[in-house]
Amino acid sequence: MWIQYQDGREMRLISSKPHEDPEKNITGIQNATFSTDKTKVYFMSDAWVTSSSIHVVDIKTKKEQYVCPGNSLKVLQSGSHKGKLIVNQHRYKKGGGSYDHYFLVDEQGTELKDLGEDLDEELMEQIEK
């Protein structure tokens, strides 16, 4: 993953790092998104059969960190939850079965709220207030 500045300078943030531990695997990078203060980049990486993983890399230090599992990623840019993430996660029910829900999580991946199956426009407006 590289950043290119408007003046043409480029900087490598992170290289592909295949690893057997899904939380440490950095391959198939997708959906790179800046933090609200533009100091970090969140991204999705290949991980499990049923889920990708969310990671963050600090632009200045280039330190990468696993955040949480997730099949989608949105960084909230405004409102009372500014800077928080919305991720879609595949989870398993006690007693069998599975489901996919959207969750509001903090920057470290701690679940703040189960947002349910659908992330419609009305729900997004409520979250972004």
Protein backbone atom coordinates (compact mmCIF):
# COMPACT_ATOMS: atom_id res chain seq x y z
CA MET A 1 0.00 0.00 0.00
CA TRP A 2 1.38 3.36 -1.07
CA ILE A 3 0.36 6.96 -0.51
CA GLN A 4 0.97 9.53 -3.19
CA TYR A 5 0.97 13.17 -2.12
CA GLN A 6 -0.25 15.99 -4.34
CA ASP A 7 3.32 17.16 -4.89
CA GLY A 8 4.16 13.77 -6.43
CA ARG A 9 6.02 12.30 -3.44
CA GLU A 10 5.22 8.68 -2.69
CA MET A 11 5.53 6.69 0.50
CA ARG A 12 5.07 2.97 1.08
CA LEU A 13 2.88 2.35 4.11
CA ILE A 14 2.81 -1.41 4.26
CA SER A 15 3.90 -4.42 2.22
CA SER A 16 2.13 -7.69 1.71
CA LYS A 17 2.85 -10.04 4.63
CA PRO A 18 1.36 -13.53 4.18
CA HIS A 19 0.90 -15.21 7.56
CA GLU A 20 -0.90 -18.30 8.87
CA ASP A 21 -2.55 -16.23 11.62
CA PRO A 22 -5.51 -14.45 9.90
CA GLU A 23 -5.08 -11.45 12.21
CA LYS A 24 -1.48 -11.00 11.02
CA ASN A 25 -2.06 -11.78 7.34
CA ILE A 26 -1.73 -8.75 5.07
CA THR A 27 -2.74 -9.89 1.57
CA GLY A 28 -5.51 -8.87 -0.79
CA ILE A 29 -5.62 -5.32 0.59
CA GLN A 30 -8.87 -3.55 -0.29
CA ASN A 31 -11.17 -0.69 0.72
CA ALA A 32 -8.43 1.59 2.09
CA THR A 33 -10.03 4.51 3.97
CA PHE A 34 -8.44 7.45 5.81
CA SER A 35 -9.19 8.18 9.46
CA THR A 36 -11.01 11.46 10.04
CA ASP A 37 -7.76 13.23 10.97
CA LYS A 38 -5.94 11.72 7.94
CA THR A 39 -3.16 10.29 10.14
CA LYS A 40 -4.12 6.63 9.65
CA VAL A 41 -5.43 4.37 6.93
CA TYR A 42 -7.90 1.58 7.66
CA PHE A 43 -8.10 -1.31 5.20
CA MET A 44 -9.45 -4.80 4.73
CA SER A 45 -7.19 -7.83 4.24
CA ASP A 46 -7.77 -11.49 3.40
CA ALA A 47 -8.30 -13.53 6.56
CA TRP A 48 -10.86 -16.30 7.14
CA VAL A 49 -13.08 -18.23 4.73
CA THR A 50 -16.16 -16.29 5.87
CA SER A 51 -14.56 -12.93 6.67
CA SER A 52 -11.86 -10.45 5.88
CA SER A 53 -10.04 -8.57 8.63
CA ILE A 54 -9.83 -4.85 9.32
CA HIS A 55 -6.40 -3.33 9.97
CA VAL A 56 -5.07 0.19 10.48
CA VAL A 57 -1.68 1.64 9.66
CA ASP A 58 -0.33 4.89 11.09
CA ILE A 59 0.98 7.03 8.23
CA LYS A 60 3.82 8.61 10.25
CA THR A 61 5.15 5.52 12.07
CA LYS A 62 3.98 2.90 9.52
CA LYS A 63 2.89 0.75 12.47
CA GLU A 64 0.15 -1.67 11.42
CA GLN A 65 -2.41 -3.12 13.80
CA TYR A 66 -5.29 -5.60 13.55
CA VAL A 67 -8.64 -4.02 14.48
CA CYS A 68 -11.40 -6.65 14.06
CA PRO A 69 -12.99 -9.06 11.59
CA GLY A 70 -15.08 -7.41 8.90
CA ASN A 71 -16.51 -7.84 5.41
CA SER A 72 -17.10 -4.13 4.88
CA LEU A 73 -15.60 -0.95 6.28
CA LYS A 74 -16.86 2.60 6.66
CA VAL A 75 -15.20 5.32 8.75
CA LEU A 76 -17.77 7.82 10.03
CA GLN A 77 -16.68 11.31 9.01
CA SER A 78 -19.11 13.38 11.10
CA GLY A 79 -21.55 13.40 14.01
CA SER A 80 -21.28 12.10 17.55
CA HIS A 81 -19.64 8.88 16.31
CA LYS A 82 -17.04 10.67 14.15
CA GLY A 83 -14.00 8.45 13.69
CA LYS A 84 -15.81 5.26 14.65
CA LEU A 85 -16.13 2.38 12.18
CA ILE A 86 -19.07 0.52 10.74
CA VAL A 87 -18.16 -3.05 9.82
CA ASN A 88 -20.15 -6.01 8.62
CA GLN A 89 -19.26 -9.16 10.52
CA HIS A 90 -20.10 -12.83 10.04
CA ARG A 91 -21.01 -14.35 13.41
CA TYR A 92 -22.16 -17.69 14.71
CA LYS A 93 -25.27 -18.31 16.82
CA LYS A 94 -25.10 -20.36 19.97
CA GLY A 95 -26.59 -23.74 19.14
CA GLY A 96 -25.80 -23.49 15.43
CA GLY A 97 -26.27 -21.25 12.44
CA SER A 98 -24.74 -17.95 11.50
CA TYR A 99 -25.68 -14.40 10.60
CA ASP A 100 -24.19 -11.23 9.15
CA HIS A 101 -24.81 -7.90 10.90
CA TYR A 102 -23.41 -4.41 10.77
CA PHE A 103 -21.70 -3.20 13.93
CA LEU A 104 -20.53 0.18 15.16
CA VAL A 105 -17.04 -0.33 16.60
CA ASP A 106 -14.45 2.03 18.02
CA GLU A 107 -11.00 2.56 16.52
CA GLN A 108 -9.65 -0.47 18.41
CA GLY A 109 -12.45 -2.76 17.18
CA THR A 110 -14.51 -2.84 20.39
CA GLU A 111 -18.19 -3.36 19.59
CA LEU A 112 -20.31 -0.37 20.55
CA LYS A 113 -23.64 -1.30 18.94
CA ASP A 114 -25.26 -4.02 16.83
CA LEU A 115 -26.83 -2.16 13.88
CA GLY A 116 -28.64 -5.18 12.45
CA GLU A 117 -28.83 -6.80 9.03
CA ASP A 118 -29.45 -3.77 6.85
CA LEU A 119 -27.61 -0.50 6.81
CA ASP A 120 -30.23 1.71 5.18
CA GLU A 121 -30.19 5.48 4.69
CA GLU A 122 -32.42 6.17 7.72
CA LEU A 123 -30.15 4.21 10.06
CA MET A 124 -27.06 5.95 8.67
CA GLU A 125 -28.66 9.36 9.34
CA GLN A 126 -29.31 8.36 12.96
CA ILE A 127 -25.74 7.11 13.41
CA GLU A 128 -24.19 10.22 11.85
CA LYS A 129 -26.08 12.63 14.16
